Amino acid sequence: MTDFPWLTVLALIPLLGALLVAALPERLEQVAKQVALGFSLITLAVLIAMALQFESGTQGFQFEEVHEWIPQFGVSYALGVDGIALVLIGLATVLTPVCILASWHDVDATRRSVKGYFALLLLLETFMVGVFAATDVFLFYVLFEAMLVPMYFIIGSYGGPQRSYAAVKFLLYSLFGGLLMLAAVIGLYVVSDGGPQAFLFENMLDTDMGTSTERLLFVGFFIAFAIKAPLWPVHTWLPDAAAESPPGGAVLLVGVLDKVGTFGMIRFCLPLFPDASQWAAPVVITLAVIGILYGALLAIGQTDMKRLIAYTSISHFGFIVLGIFAMTTQGQSGATLYMVNHGFSTAALFLIAGFLISRRGSRLIADYGGVQRVAPMLAGTFLVAGLSSLALPGLSTFVSEFLVLVGTFTRYEAAAIIATGGIILASLYILLMYQRTMTGQPNEHTSKLADLDVREAWVVAPLIAVIIALGFFPQPLLDVISPAVDRTMQQVGVEDPAPEVPAAERSVP
């Protein structure tokens, strides 16, 4: 079924679900939830069916679809996936039903439209699938910007007390980055040969441009992706947006949407602007290392549980960017795997924190204590998610973080050594948060907290299972990712540094 439009169908299913949910009468809240969950599960099933036909040893795009869209400007409706895009689409399609199930009662007490919230989640899934699958640069830009709309309303209409401020800040930062990217897209079209299908990714490779032009276009794309990622110092919108989002929205924002930034770096910045990428690499590596330490240090000092998790993600994104711009196969494979692993561990942290907050009514760490005595399953799953976030061996994030550091060390030794300090700081912010919220004697408010119910257990169980499975056996994902990474390295024109032979092993003449 290679001619079947898998990716179009994959994107249309949640879109149809969103339209159906939005068309339901407002009184049918339970039906709206069930329809949303059903369509998200159908999307996941289609993704699994498509993934089973993916040829993991192939470097190029698969399941390609190319149709004329705006032929006067060379714009096409073009979709396709390689290993990098496939695993990120898989992340989005797995987390969406998890978030829908986790959000079952999040809107009930807010007096806001229940069907509107679940329709927005499905609409967001459509754009997430599309942006990772787009192989036309202009189509990618359109979807890159379109994602802002449902996320803006999720934060601004269903978030916390400061939701309006957080939503506007998120929108302004993203629009600024999008404006720079649009200018760069137009510039790229001008320096290309134009003609039909001019915006196709493959047709834009090896575009002849001067050094200064290439660097300017690279900067336009990179800043947009750095804001989306978010990379220090253009990260300040994330703590507010993540803290004020409802738990399901925070998961999709930090777990998937922000990966569009790092995905864009490895998909577009490196292959389209190979010389500029190598020119900028030392500066980007420096920003990534600062982000690793800065995010971790600020996480340690947080009193708000959701803001703490948001700052940990800034540190994690520093590792991802570090691996991408280390320009080694180990670094880029580790960075891509890190995107997936971070998505699952952060999803577990945000959702379990959301369960705690819904019970206690507070985001402040100081208002908790002794939870493990009254809710052992809740505390235990929170501990596993936290240990994964700090890259404990045997859990998923360890493998990706190890690959990033090893891949970076072979080319940038000092950066890798300094970045390793982020692991120590991660242990502090995770274990301190666990100690303050879960250990000790329960206080008057936490002594009556209920443990995970059946629905919540169904939400957390698959996340914990994936965290453990990928910790022990990440090879299937690496087999899918590695060919795409090898192709990116070829497009950039760099090779892994040759291993240095110890002096004692050198032959003596």
Protein backbone atom coordinates (compact mmCIF):
# COMPACT_ATOMS: atom_id res chain seq x y z
CA MET A 1 0.00 0.00 0.00
CA THR A 2 2.84 2.39 -0.83
CA ASP A 3 0.49 4.58 -2.91
CA PHE A 4 -2.00 4.99 -0.08
CA PRO A 5 -1.98 8.59 1.27
CA TRP A 6 -1.04 7.53 4.78
CA LEU A 7 0.08 10.93 6.01
CA THR A 8 -2.93 12.82 4.67
CA VAL A 9 -5.26 10.31 6.28
CA LEU A 10 -3.27 10.49 9.51
CA ALA A 11 -3.74 14.27 9.62
CA LEU A 12 -7.38 14.25 8.50
CA ILE A 13 -8.67 11.83 11.16
CA PRO A 14 -8.14 14.18 14.15
CA LEU A 15 -9.32 17.12 12.02
CA LEU A 16 -12.60 15.34 11.30
CA GLY A 17 -12.83 14.45 14.97
CA ALA A 18 -12.33 18.09 15.93
CA LEU A 19 -15.09 19.22 13.56
CA LEU A 20 -17.46 16.55 14.87
CA VAL A 21 -16.76 17.41 18.51
CA ALA A 22 -17.24 21.12 17.80
CA ALA A 23 -20.58 20.42 16.10
CA LEU A 24 -22.02 18.52 19.08
CA PRO A 25 -24.53 20.29 21.33
CA GLU A 26 -22.92 21.85 24.39
CA ARG A 27 -24.94 19.64 26.74
CA LEU A 28 -23.34 16.43 25.37
CA GLU A 29 -20.09 16.92 27.27
CA GLN A 30 -19.50 13.23 27.95
CA VAL A 31 -20.12 12.34 24.30
CA ALA A 32 -17.65 15.02 23.19
CA LYS A 33 -14.96 13.50 25.38
CA GLN A 34 -15.66 10.00 24.12
CA VAL A 35 -15.62 11.08 20.48
CA ALA A 36 -12.34 12.94 20.97
CA LEU A 37 -10.73 9.94 22.64
CA GLY A 38 -12.06 7.61 19.94
CA PHE A 39 -10.66 9.68 17.07
CA SER A 40 -7.28 10.04 18.79
CA LEU A 41 -7.09 6.26 19.24
CA ILE A 42 -8.02 5.71 15.58
CA THR A 43 -5.20 8.09 14.62
CA LEU A 44 -2.80 6.08 16.76
CA ALA A 45 -3.95 2.84 15.12
CA VAL A 46 -3.36 4.29 11.63
CA LEU A 47 0.10 5.46 12.72
CA ILE A 48 0.96 1.95 13.91
CA ALA A 49 -0.26 0.46 10.62
CA MET A 50 1.86 2.95 8.67
CA ALA A 51 4.92 2.47 10.87
CA LEU A 52 4.84 -1.29 10.31
CA GLN A 53 5.41 -0.62 6.60
CA PHE A 54 8.27 1.80 7.17
CA GLU A 55 11.61 0.51 5.85
CA SER A 56 14.05 1.38 8.62
CA GLY A 57 17.18 0.99 6.50
CA THR A 58 16.13 3.64 3.96
CA GLN A 59 17.63 7.13 4.16
CA GLY A 60 15.16 9.10 2.03
CA PHE A 61 11.55 10.10 2.60
CA GLN A 62 8.85 7.44 2.56
CA PHE A 63 5.05 7.60 2.10
CA GLU A 64 5.62 10.67 -0.08
CA GLU A 65 2.74 12.73 -1.47
CA VAL A 66 3.35 15.64 -3.82
CA HIS A 67 0.54 17.71 -5.33
CA GLU A 68 0.43 21.21 -6.76
CA TRP A 69 -0.97 23.76 -4.33
CA ILE A 70 0.04 27.25 -5.48
CA PRO A 71 1.87 26.54 -8.75
CA GLN A 72 2.42 30.24 -9.54
CA PHE A 73 4.85 30.39 -6.62
CA GLY A 74 6.16 26.85 -6.75
CA VAL A 75 4.33 25.81 -3.58
CA SER A 76 3.30 22.17 -3.26
CA TYR A 77 1.26 20.08 -0.88
CA ALA A 78 4.13 17.69 -0.16
CA LEU A 79 4.38 15.20 2.68
CA GLY A 80 6.86 12.49 3.55
CA VAL A 81 8.68 11.04 6.54
CA ASP A 82 12.12 9.77 7.36
CA GLY A 83 13.09 8.13 10.64
CA ILE A 84 13.35 11.44 12.52
CA ALA A 85 9.91 12.64 11.45
CA LEU A 86 8.32 9.23 12.03
CA VAL A 87 9.33 8.94 15.68
CA LEU A 88 8.15 12.49 16.41
CA ILE A 89 4.79 11.88 14.74
CA GLY A 90 4.59 8.73 16.83
CA LEU A 91 5.26 10.81 19.96
CA ALA A 92 2.42 13.19 19.05
CA THR A 93 -0.09 10.43 18.28
CA VAL A 94 0.70 8.55 21.50
CA LEU A 95 0.53 11.58 23.78
CA THR A 96 -2.70 13.00 22.35
CA PRO A 97 -5.05 10.22 23.60
CA VAL A 98 -3.11 10.14 26.88
CA CYS A 99 -3.73 13.89 27.31
CA ILE A 100 -7.40 13.58 26.37
CA LEU A 101 -7.93 10.85 28.95
CA ALA A 102 -5.94 12.77 31.57
CA SER A 103 -8.03 15.91 30.90
CA TRP A 104 -11.37 14.14 31.36
CA HIS A 105 -12.46 16.36 34.28
CA ASP A 106 -10.12 19.35 33.84
CA VAL A 107 -12.72 21.61 32.20
CA ASP A 108 -15.84 20.44 34.05
CA ALA A 109 -15.53 22.88 36.95
CA THR A 110 -14.34 25.89 34.92
CA ARG A 111 -17.67 26.78 33.30
CA ARG A 112 -15.93 26.87 29.94
CA SER A 113 -16.78 24.92 26.81
CA VAL A 114 -15.86 21.27 27.33
CA LYS A 115 -16.31 20.37 23.68
CA GLY A 116 -14.19 23.37 22.67
CA TYR A 117 -11.24 22.15 24.71
CA PHE A 118 -11.26 18.63 23.28
CA ALA A 119 -11.80 19.93 19.75
CA LEU A 120 -8.72 22.12 20.18
CA LEU A 121 -6.64 19.15 21.30
CA LEU A 122 -7.61 17.21 18.16
CA LEU A 123 -6.99 20.22 15.92
CA LEU A 124 -3.57 20.59 17.50
CA GLU A 125 -2.83 16.94 16.72
CA THR A 126 -3.60 17.56 13.04
CA PHE A 127 -1.09 20.40 12.87
CA MET A 128 1.54 18.41 14.79
CA VAL A 129 1.32 15.52 12.34
CA GLY A 130 1.40 17.91 9.39
CA VAL A 131 4.38 19.98 10.52
CA PHE A 132 6.59 16.92 11.06
CA ALA A 133 5.51 15.41 7.73
CA ALA A 134 5.79 18.53 5.53
CA THR A 135 8.50 18.28 2.86
CA ASP A 136 7.62 21.61 1.22
CA VAL A 137 9.31 24.48 3.04
CA PHE A 138 6.37 26.87 2.57
CA LEU A 139 3.86 24.25 3.75
CA PHE A 140 6.06 23.66 6.80
CA TYR A 141 6.00 27.39 7.55
CA VAL A 142 2.20 27.54 7.25
CA LEU A 143 1.73 24.63 9.66
CA PHE A 144 4.47 26.01 11.93
CA GLU A 145 2.37 29.15 12.36
CA ALA A 146 -1.02 27.38 12.39
CA MET A 147 -0.04 25.43 15.53
CA LEU A 148 -0.12 28.70 17.45
CA VAL A 149 -3.87 29.09 17.09
CA PRO A 150 -5.18 26.06 19.05
CA MET A 151 -2.36 26.35 21.58
CA TYR A 152 -3.12 30.02 22.17
CA PHE A 153 -6.77 29.24 22.94
CA ILE A 154 -5.88 26.22 25.10
CA ILE A 155 -3.70 28.45 27.28
CA GLY A 156 -5.80 31.61 27.11
CA SER A 157 -9.23 30.03 27.59
CA TYR A 158 -8.55 27.00 29.80
CA GLY A 159 -5.41 27.90 31.73
CA GLY A 160 -4.68 29.21 35.21
CA PRO A 161 -5.14 32.65 36.80
CA GLN A 162 -2.46 34.31 34.65
CA ARG A 163 -3.60 32.58 31.45
CA SER A 164 -4.17 35.75 29.41
CA TYR A 165 -0.68 37.07 30.10
CA ALA A 166 0.92 33.69 29.38
CA ALA A 167 -1.06 33.18 26.16
CA VAL A 168 -0.22 36.62 24.78
CA LYS A 169 3.46 36.23 25.68
CA PHE A 170 3.55 32.83 23.98
CA LEU A 171 1.87 34.26 20.88
CA LEU A 172 4.09 37.34 20.60
CA TYR A 173 7.33 35.39 20.94
CA SER A 174 6.15 32.81 18.41
CA LEU A 175 4.89 35.40 15.93
CA PHE A 176 8.20 37.26 16.09
CA GLY A 177 10.07 34.05 15.31
CA GLY A 178 7.60 33.21 12.58
CA LEU A 179 8.07 36.63 10.99
CA LEU A 180 11.83 36.09 10.81
CA MET A 181 11.29 32.65 9.33
CA LEU A 182 8.89 34.01 6.70
CA ALA A 183 11.50 36.55 5.62
CA ALA A 184 14.07 33.76 5.40
CA VAL A 185 11.68 31.54 3.41
CA ILE A 186 11.10 34.35 0.92
CA GLY A 187 14.84 34.97 0.73
CA LEU A 188 15.47 31.29 0.10
CA TYR A 189 12.96 31.32 -2.73
CA VAL A 190 14.58 34.40 -4.28
CA VAL A 191 18.06 32.83 -4.37
CA SER A 192 16.71 29.49 -5.64
CA ASP A 193 15.99 28.76 -9.29
CA GLY A 194 12.24 29.15 -8.76
CA GLY A 195 9.95 27.32 -11.09
CA PRO A 196 7.46 24.55 -10.34
CA GLN A 197 7.84 22.83 -6.97
CA ALA A 198 10.52 25.33 -6.03
CA PHE A 199 9.76 25.04 -2.30
CA LEU A 200 10.24 21.27 -2.16
CA PHE A 201 12.88 20.46 0.43
CA GLU A 202 14.81 18.24 -1.98
CA ASN A 203 14.81 20.96 -4.67
CA MET A 204 16.16 23.55 -2.27
CA LEU A 205 19.18 21.47 -1.26
CA ASP A 206 22.47 22.69 -2.71
CA THR A 207 20.96 26.08 -3.64
CA ASP A 208 23.77 28.32 -4.84
CA MET A 209 24.05 31.35 -2.54
CA GLY A 210 26.79 33.61 -1.29
CA THR A 211 28.33 33.19 2.15
CA SER A 212 26.69 36.28 3.69
CA THR A 213 23.30 35.39 2.20
CA GLU A 214 23.48 31.84 3.52
CA ARG A 215 24.37 33.07 6.98
CA LEU A 216 21.53 35.60 7.03
CA LEU A 217 18.98 33.00 5.94
CA PHE A 218 20.33 30.53 8.49
CA VAL A 219 19.91 33.11 11.26
CA GLY A 220 16.29 33.74 10.21
CA PHE A 221 15.42 30.05 10.41
CA PHE A 222 17.51 29.41 13.52
CA ILE A 223 16.04 32.21 15.66
CA ALA A 224 12.51 31.03 14.83
CA PHE A 225 13.42 27.48 15.83
CA ALA A 226 15.35 28.63 18.93
CA ILE A 227 12.26 30.52 20.17
CA LYS A 228 10.06 27.50 19.53
CA ALA A 229 12.52 25.08 21.18
CA PRO A 230 13.04 27.15 23.48
CA LEU A 231 16.77 27.85 23.69
CA TRP A 232 18.38 30.32 26.10
CA PRO A 233 18.06 33.36 25.97
CA VAL A 234 14.75 33.33 24.01
CA HIS A 235 13.12 30.92 26.46
CA THR A 236 11.27 33.21 28.85
CA TRP A 237 7.80 32.54 27.44
CA LEU A 238 7.92 28.83 28.33
CA PRO A 239 7.71 28.88 32.17
CA ASP A 240 4.66 31.14 32.04
CA ALA A 241 2.94 29.19 29.24
CA ALA A 242 3.60 25.78 30.76
CA ALA A 243 2.64 26.85 34.28
CA GLU A 244 -0.65 28.43 33.21
CA SER A 245 -1.66 25.73 30.69
CA PRO A 246 -4.01 22.95 31.77
CA PRO A 247 -1.99 19.73 32.29
CA GLY A 248 -2.92 18.21 28.93
CA GLY A 249 -2.04 21.41 27.12
CA ALA A 250 1.28 21.69 28.97
CA VAL A 251 2.18 18.15 27.92
CA LEU A 252 1.53 18.81 24.23
CA LEU A 253 3.23 22.21 24.42
CA VAL A 254 6.46 21.06 26.07
CA GLY A 255 6.38 17.42 25.02
CA VAL A 256 5.63 17.87 21.31
CA LEU A 257 5.22 21.46 20.04
CA ASP A 258 8.58 22.61 21.35
CA LYS A 259 10.20 19.69 19.50
CA VAL A 260 9.22 21.42 16.25
CA GLY A 261 12.04 23.87 17.03
CA THR A 262 14.74 21.24 17.44
CA PHE A 263 13.26 19.21 14.57
CA GLY A 264 13.49 22.29 12.35
CA MET A 265 17.17 22.70 13.24
CA ILE A 266 18.10 19.19 12.16
CA ARG A 267 15.66 19.06 9.22
CA PHE A 268 16.12 22.52 7.68
CA CYS A 269 18.96 24.55 9.24
CA LEU A 270 21.68 21.97 8.76
CA PRO A 271 20.92 20.59 5.26
CA LEU A 272 19.76 23.87 3.66
CA PHE A 273 22.59 25.96 5.10
CA PRO A 274 25.48 23.54 5.70
CA ASP A 275 28.33 26.06 5.68
CA ALA A 276 26.44 28.55 7.84
CA SER A 277 25.55 25.76 10.29
CA GLN A 278 29.20 24.88 10.74
CA TRP A 279 30.06 28.58 11.03
CA ALA A 280 27.45 29.09 13.77
CA ALA A 281 28.04 25.80 15.60
CA PRO A 282 30.47 27.13 18.27
CA VAL A 283 28.05 29.92 19.23
CA VAL A 284 25.05 27.57 19.29
CA ILE A 285 27.01 25.04 21.36
CA THR A 286 27.79 27.81 23.85
CA LEU A 287 24.12 28.85 24.08
CA ALA A 288 23.12 25.21 24.57
CA VAL A 289 25.57 24.70 27.44
CA ILE A 290 24.41 27.91 29.11
CA GLY A 291 20.81 26.73 28.71
CA ILE A 292 21.61 23.38 30.32
CA LEU A 293 23.08 24.96 33.43
CA TYR A 294 20.74 27.97 33.56
CA GLY A 295 17.58 25.89 33.32
CA ALA A 296 18.78 23.46 35.95
CA LEU A 297 19.84 26.18 38.39
CA LEU A 298 16.54 28.03 38.09
CA ALA A 299 14.62 24.77 38.48
CA ILE A 300 16.31 24.19 41.84
CA GLY A 301 15.00 27.51 43.16
CA GLN A 302 11.38 27.16 42.02
CA THR A 303 8.51 27.00 44.50
CA ASP A 304 5.86 26.31 41.84
CA MET A 305 5.74 22.66 40.76
CA LYS A 306 4.76 23.32 37.15
CA ARG A 307 7.32 26.09 36.70
CA LEU A 308 9.99 23.77 38.06
CA ILE A 309 9.15 21.15 35.44
CA ALA A 310 9.17 23.86 32.74
CA TYR A 311 12.66 25.00 33.73
CA THR A 312 13.91 21.42 33.68
CA SER A 313 12.75 21.29 30.06
CA ILE A 314 14.86 24.34 29.19
CA SER A 315 17.85 22.38 30.48
CA HIS A 316 16.84 19.30 28.50
CA PHE A 317 16.43 21.30 25.30
CA GLY A 318 19.96 22.53 25.81
CA PHE A 319 21.13 18.92 25.63
CA ILE A 320 19.09 18.34 22.47
CA VAL A 321 20.53 21.38 20.69
CA LEU A 322 24.00 20.43 21.89
CA GLY A 323 23.67 17.01 20.25
CA ILE A 324 22.36 18.48 16.98
CA PHE A 325 25.16 21.02 16.52
CA ALA A 326 27.92 18.70 17.70
CA MET A 327 27.73 17.46 14.09
CA THR A 328 28.35 13.80 14.94
CA THR A 329 26.15 10.79 14.26
CA GLN A 330 26.12 9.87 17.95
CA GLY A 331 25.17 13.41 18.96
CA GLN A 332 22.36 13.78 16.43
CA SER A 333 20.99 10.26 17.01
CA GLY A 334 21.05 10.95 20.74
CA ALA A 335 19.37 14.34 20.26
CA THR A 336 16.55 12.82 18.21
CA LEU A 337 16.07 10.02 20.73
CA TYR A 338 16.19 12.67 23.47
CA MET A 339 13.24 14.48 21.86
CA VAL A 340 11.16 11.33 22.18
CA ASN A 341 12.33 10.38 25.66
CA HIS A 342 11.90 13.89 27.00
CA GLY A 343 8.37 13.93 25.62
CA PHE A 344 7.36 10.87 27.62
CA SER A 345 9.15 11.74 30.88
CA THR A 346 7.90 15.33 30.86
CA ALA A 347 4.39 14.14 30.02
CA ALA A 348 4.43 11.88 33.06
CA LEU A 349 5.73 14.66 35.31
CA PHE A 350 3.19 17.25 34.15
CA LEU A 351 0.22 14.86 34.28
CA ILE A 352 1.05 13.46 37.72
CA ALA A 353 1.66 17.00 38.97
CA GLY A 354 -1.74 17.86 37.51
CA PHE A 355 -3.34 15.02 39.45
CA LEU A 356 -1.73 16.34 42.63
CA ILE A 357 -2.83 19.92 41.97
CA SER A 358 -6.43 18.86 41.24
CA ARG A 359 -6.54 17.10 44.62
CA ARG A 360 -4.83 19.75 46.73
CA GLY A 361 -5.73 22.88 44.77
CA SER A 362 -2.22 24.32 44.91
CA ARG A 363 0.85 24.38 42.67
CA LEU A 364 3.20 25.33 45.53
CA ILE A 365 5.68 22.64 46.55
CA ALA A 366 5.55 23.82 50.18
CA ASP A 367 1.86 22.90 50.42
CA TYR A 368 2.63 19.20 50.05
CA GLY A 369 4.44 16.57 52.08
CA GLY A 370 4.03 12.93 53.02
CA VAL A 371 2.09 12.04 49.88
CA GLN A 372 3.81 8.67 49.53
CA ARG A 373 2.19 7.55 52.81
CA VAL A 374 -1.37 8.17 51.62
CA ALA A 375 -1.00 7.75 47.83
CA PRO A 376 1.87 5.32 47.17
CA MET A 377 1.02 4.67 43.49
CA LEU A 378 0.90 8.37 42.74
CA ALA A 379 4.20 8.96 44.54
CA GLY A 380 5.85 5.92 42.95
CA THR A 381 5.00 6.89 39.39
CA PHE A 382 6.10 10.46 40.10
CA LEU A 383 9.45 9.10 41.32
CA VAL A 384 9.97 6.97 38.20
CA ALA A 385 9.16 9.93 35.93
CA GLY A 386 11.51 12.15 37.93
CA LEU A 387 14.34 9.61 37.86
CA SER A 388 13.92 9.36 34.11
CA SER A 389 14.16 13.14 33.85
CA LEU A 390 17.49 13.11 35.71
CA ALA A 391 18.76 10.36 33.34
CA LEU A 392 19.04 7.46 35.77
CA PRO A 393 20.59 4.41 34.05
CA GLY A 394 17.90 1.91 33.11
CA LEU A 395 15.37 4.62 32.26
CA SER A 396 14.84 6.15 28.83
CA THR A 397 16.55 9.54 29.06
CA PHE A 398 19.89 8.04 30.14
CA VAL A 399 20.66 6.51 26.75
CA SER A 400 19.89 9.68 24.80
CA GLU A 401 21.80 11.92 27.21
CA PHE A 402 24.79 9.57 27.13
CA LEU A 403 24.84 9.58 23.31
CA VAL A 404 24.63 13.39 23.22
CA LEU A 405 27.54 13.80 25.63
CA VAL A 406 29.71 11.18 23.94
CA GLY A 407 28.96 12.62 20.50
CA THR A 408 29.75 16.13 21.71
CA PHE A 409 32.95 15.09 23.49
CA THR A 410 34.52 13.81 20.27
CA ARG A 411 34.35 17.32 18.76
CA TYR A 412 33.83 19.78 21.64
CA GLU A 413 35.46 18.32 24.73
CA ALA A 414 35.09 21.37 26.98
CA ALA A 415 31.40 21.80 26.15
CA ALA A 416 30.67 18.14 26.91
CA ILE A 417 32.51 18.31 30.24
CA ILE A 418 30.71 21.46 31.35
CA ALA A 419 27.33 20.11 30.19
CA THR A 420 27.85 17.04 32.35
CA GLY A 421 27.33 19.33 35.33
CA GLY A 422 23.69 19.53 34.28
CA ILE A 423 23.29 15.89 35.31
CA ILE A 424 24.35 16.72 38.87
CA LEU A 425 22.01 19.69 39.02
CA ALA A 426 19.18 17.54 37.65
CA SER A 427 19.61 15.17 40.56
CA LEU A 428 19.21 18.09 42.92
CA TYR A 429 16.05 19.61 41.47
CA ILE A 430 14.26 16.29 40.99
CA LEU A 431 15.16 14.71 44.32
CA LEU A 432 14.53 17.91 46.28
CA MET A 433 11.09 18.25 44.71
CA TYR A 434 10.29 14.61 45.48
CA GLN A 435 11.55 14.94 49.04
CA ARG A 436 9.51 18.07 49.73
CA THR A 437 6.27 16.80 48.20
CA MET A 438 6.26 13.06 48.85
CA THR A 439 8.29 12.22 51.93
CA GLY A 440 7.80 13.01 55.61
CA GLN A 441 4.54 13.20 57.50
CA PRO A 442 1.34 14.20 55.69
CA ASN A 443 -0.02 17.60 56.67
CA GLU A 444 -3.68 18.39 57.30
CA HIS A 445 -4.34 18.88 53.58
CA THR A 446 -2.35 15.95 52.14
CA SER A 447 -3.46 13.39 54.71
CA LYS A 448 -6.72 12.89 52.83
CA LEU A 449 -5.34 12.79 49.28
CA ALA A 450 -6.67 9.90 47.20
CA ASP A 451 -4.37 7.60 45.26
CA LEU A 452 -4.55 7.13 41.49
CA ASP A 453 -7.97 5.99 40.31
CA VAL A 454 -8.51 3.61 37.38
CA ARG A 455 -8.64 6.35 34.73
CA GLU A 456 -5.49 8.00 36.04
CA ALA A 457 -3.70 4.66 36.19
CA TRP A 458 -4.56 4.10 32.52
CA VAL A 459 -3.05 7.53 31.79
CA VAL A 460 0.21 6.96 33.65
CA ALA A 461 0.80 3.25 32.97
CA PRO A 462 1.71 3.52 29.24
CA LEU A 463 4.06 6.43 29.94
CA ILE A 464 5.92 4.54 32.66
CA ALA A 465 6.02 1.42 30.48
CA VAL A 466 7.60 3.34 27.60
CA ILE A 467 10.10 5.03 29.92
CA ILE A 468 11.26 1.66 31.24
CA ALA A 469 11.18 -0.13 27.86
CA LEU A 470 13.23 2.53 26.07
CA GLY A 471 15.65 2.58 28.99
CA PHE A 472 16.52 -1.07 28.49
CA PHE A 473 15.94 -1.47 24.76
CA PRO A 474 16.24 1.74 22.69
CA GLN A 475 17.68 -0.03 19.65
CA PRO A 476 14.44 -0.24 17.62
CA LEU A 477 14.09 3.54 17.69
CA LEU A 478 17.79 4.06 16.96
CA ASP A 479 17.52 1.72 13.96
CA VAL A 480 14.79 3.99 12.58
CA ILE A 481 16.59 7.25 13.42
CA SER A 482 20.17 6.44 12.35
CA PRO A 483 19.71 6.34 8.53
CA ALA A 484 18.04 9.77 8.60
CA VAL A 485 20.88 11.12 10.74
CA ASP A 486 23.47 9.66 8.35
CA ARG A 487 21.72 11.41 5.45
CA THR A 488 21.72 14.72 7.32
CA MET A 489 25.44 14.37 7.99
CA GLN A 490 26.04 13.74 4.27
CA GLN A 491 23.97 16.80 3.32
CA VAL A 492 25.95 18.98 5.71
CA GLY A 493 29.19 17.49 4.43
CA VAL A 494 30.73 16.54 7.78
CA GLU A 495 32.07 13.27 9.07
CA ASP A 496 32.59 11.96 12.57
CA PRO A 497 36.01 12.84 14.00
CA ALA A 498 38.51 10.05 13.52
CA PRO A 499 39.25 8.24 16.81
CA GLU A 500 42.57 9.15 18.33
CA VAL A 501 44.94 6.23 18.80
CA PRO A 502 46.61 6.22 22.22
CA ALA A 503 50.36 6.78 22.05
CA ALA A 504 51.10 3.39 23.64
CA GLU A 505 49.34 1.62 20.78
CA ARG A 506 51.15 3.43 17.97
CA SER A 507 53.66 1.37 16.06
CA VAL A 508 57.27 2.32 16.69
CA PRO A 509 59.45 2.41 13.53
